[in-house]
Every structure is written in C-alpha cells, then in structure tokens.
N, C-alpha and C. Protein backbone atom coordinates (compact mmCIF):
# COMPACT_ATOMS: atom_id res chain seq x y z
N MET A 1 50.02 80.34 -53.89
CA MET A 1 48.60 80.28 -53.66
C MET A 1 48.28 80.68 -52.21
N ARG A 2 47.30 81.49 -52.04
CA ARG A 2 46.93 81.96 -50.71
C ARG A 2 45.95 80.97 -50.09
N THR A 3 46.26 80.56 -48.87
CA THR A 3 45.40 79.62 -48.16
C THR A 3 45.08 80.17 -46.79
N ARG A 4 43.82 80.03 -46.40
CA ARG A 4 43.39 80.44 -45.07
C ARG A 4 43.04 79.21 -44.25
N CYS A 5 43.43 79.25 -43.00
CA CYS A 5 43.12 78.17 -42.07
C CYS A 5 41.61 78.14 -41.81
N PRO A 6 40.96 76.98 -41.92
CA PRO A 6 39.52 76.92 -41.66
C PRO A 6 39.13 77.15 -40.21
N LEU A 7 40.08 77.04 -39.28
CA LEU A 7 39.76 77.28 -37.87
C LEU A 7 39.99 78.73 -37.44
N CYS A 8 41.18 79.23 -37.70
CA CYS A 8 41.50 80.60 -37.23
C CYS A 8 41.37 81.64 -38.34
N THR A 9 41.17 81.23 -39.55
CA THR A 9 40.98 82.06 -40.76
C THR A 9 42.16 82.98 -41.11
N ARG A 10 43.31 82.75 -40.53
CA ARG A 10 44.44 83.58 -40.93
C ARG A 10 45.18 82.92 -42.09
N ASP A 11 45.95 83.69 -42.81
CA ASP A 11 46.73 83.18 -43.93
C ASP A 11 47.78 82.20 -43.44
N VAL A 12 47.95 81.12 -44.18
CA VAL A 12 48.93 80.09 -43.83
C VAL A 12 49.93 80.00 -44.99
N PRO A 13 51.19 80.39 -44.76
CA PRO A 13 52.16 80.28 -45.83
C PRO A 13 52.38 78.84 -46.24
N ARG A 14 52.71 78.62 -47.50
CA ARG A 14 52.88 77.29 -48.07
C ARG A 14 53.79 76.40 -47.25
N GLU A 15 54.90 76.96 -46.74
CA GLU A 15 55.85 76.17 -45.98
C GLU A 15 55.35 75.73 -44.60
N LYS A 16 54.25 76.33 -44.14
CA LYS A 16 53.68 75.98 -42.82
C LYS A 16 52.36 75.24 -42.95
N GLN A 17 51.91 74.93 -44.15
CA GLN A 17 50.64 74.25 -44.34
C GLN A 17 50.73 72.78 -43.95
N VAL A 18 49.70 72.30 -43.31
CA VAL A 18 49.55 70.89 -42.98
C VAL A 18 48.23 70.47 -43.62
N TRP A 19 48.26 69.38 -44.41
CA TRP A 19 47.06 68.93 -45.09
C TRP A 19 46.42 67.78 -44.35
N CYS A 20 45.13 67.85 -44.16
CA CYS A 20 44.38 66.77 -43.52
C CYS A 20 43.83 65.86 -44.62
N THR A 21 43.42 64.65 -44.26
CA THR A 21 42.84 63.72 -45.24
C THR A 21 41.50 64.20 -45.78
N CYS A 22 40.87 65.14 -45.10
CA CYS A 22 39.59 65.67 -45.58
C CYS A 22 39.79 66.76 -46.65
N GLY A 23 41.03 67.15 -46.88
CA GLY A 23 41.33 68.12 -47.92
C GLY A 23 41.58 69.54 -47.41
N SER A 24 41.48 69.77 -46.14
CA SER A 24 41.71 71.10 -45.58
C SER A 24 43.19 71.33 -45.32
N ALA A 25 43.65 72.51 -45.69
CA ALA A 25 45.03 72.92 -45.37
C ALA A 25 44.95 73.91 -44.23
N MET A 26 45.83 73.71 -43.25
CA MET A 26 45.76 74.58 -42.07
C MET A 26 47.13 74.73 -41.42
N ASP A 27 47.20 75.60 -40.47
CA ASP A 27 48.38 75.84 -39.66
C ASP A 27 48.63 74.58 -38.80
N SER A 28 49.87 74.28 -38.54
CA SER A 28 50.19 73.09 -37.75
C SER A 28 49.61 73.19 -36.34
N GLY A 29 49.50 74.37 -35.79
CA GLY A 29 48.93 74.55 -34.46
C GLY A 29 47.43 74.27 -34.44
N CYS A 30 46.75 74.53 -35.53
CA CYS A 30 45.30 74.28 -35.62
C CYS A 30 44.98 72.84 -36.00
N TYR A 31 45.96 72.14 -36.55
CA TYR A 31 45.73 70.76 -37.01
C TYR A 31 45.23 69.88 -35.87
N ASP A 32 45.82 69.99 -34.69
CA ASP A 32 45.38 69.18 -33.55
C ASP A 32 43.96 69.50 -33.13
N ALA A 33 43.59 70.76 -33.17
CA ALA A 33 42.22 71.17 -32.80
C ALA A 33 41.22 70.70 -33.85
N HIS A 34 41.64 70.58 -35.10
CA HIS A 34 40.77 70.15 -36.18
C HIS A 34 40.38 68.70 -36.09
N GLU A 35 41.18 67.90 -35.44
CA GLU A 35 40.98 66.45 -35.40
C GLU A 35 39.58 66.06 -34.92
N ASP A 36 39.03 66.74 -33.93
CA ASP A 36 37.72 66.38 -33.39
C ASP A 36 36.57 66.64 -34.35
N TRP A 37 36.66 67.69 -35.15
CA TRP A 37 35.56 68.01 -36.06
C TRP A 37 35.84 67.73 -37.52
N CYS A 38 36.90 66.97 -37.79
CA CYS A 38 37.25 66.61 -39.16
C CYS A 38 36.09 65.84 -39.80
N ALA A 39 35.74 66.20 -41.01
CA ALA A 39 34.60 65.58 -41.72
C ALA A 39 34.84 64.09 -42.03
N ARG A 40 36.07 63.66 -42.03
CA ARG A 40 36.40 62.27 -42.35
C ARG A 40 36.63 61.39 -41.15
N ARG A 41 37.26 61.93 -40.08
CA ARG A 41 37.67 61.04 -39.00
C ARG A 41 37.37 61.58 -37.60
N GLY A 42 36.65 62.64 -37.49
CA GLY A 42 36.41 63.25 -36.19
C GLY A 42 35.23 62.70 -35.45
N THR A 43 35.24 62.84 -34.13
CA THR A 43 34.13 62.40 -33.32
C THR A 43 32.91 63.30 -33.51
N ASP A 44 33.15 64.57 -33.87
CA ASP A 44 32.09 65.52 -34.19
C ASP A 44 32.12 65.83 -35.68
N ALA A 45 32.19 64.81 -36.51
CA ALA A 45 32.36 64.97 -37.95
C ALA A 45 31.23 65.77 -38.60
N TRP A 46 30.06 65.74 -38.01
CA TRP A 46 28.93 66.47 -38.58
C TRP A 46 29.22 67.97 -38.64
N ILE A 47 30.02 68.46 -37.68
CA ILE A 47 30.37 69.90 -37.69
C ILE A 47 31.24 70.21 -38.90
N GLY A 48 32.24 69.40 -39.15
CA GLY A 48 33.12 69.61 -40.28
C GLY A 48 32.38 69.48 -41.60
N ALA A 49 31.46 68.53 -41.69
CA ALA A 49 30.68 68.33 -42.90
C ALA A 49 29.74 69.53 -43.12
N PHE A 50 29.18 70.04 -42.05
CA PHE A 50 28.26 71.19 -42.14
C PHE A 50 29.02 72.46 -42.56
N GLU A 51 30.23 72.65 -42.05
CA GLU A 51 31.03 73.83 -42.34
C GLU A 51 31.50 73.86 -43.80
N ARG A 52 31.71 72.71 -44.40
CA ARG A 52 32.18 72.67 -45.79
C ARG A 52 31.05 73.05 -46.65
C-alpha cells in the first residue's frame, strides 16, 4: 500500500512508517515535527484537525 507523509508528502515505504495515535502514518523523521499539531495530543491540535 502506498502511503504519503502528511507533513512532507513524500512516499513512505511500509518498513519506515511510524503510526501516530491520530491515525496518520509518516516518516520517522517527520513524526517528531507532527507532535505539536497532532489532532489528538498536540498543543496546536486545531491545525491537525483542520488539515484532516
């Protein structure tokens, strides 16, 4: 299955995918950047909710 990172929009191979509790799959490097705008646990959660 082809997955694109919601932050950098590049393809993320299955073996490099990291899943967040909000349901987004992303590159491990983008996972740390995602924490602030995560729709479930981020300080700027409204951004993640708006983007979905």
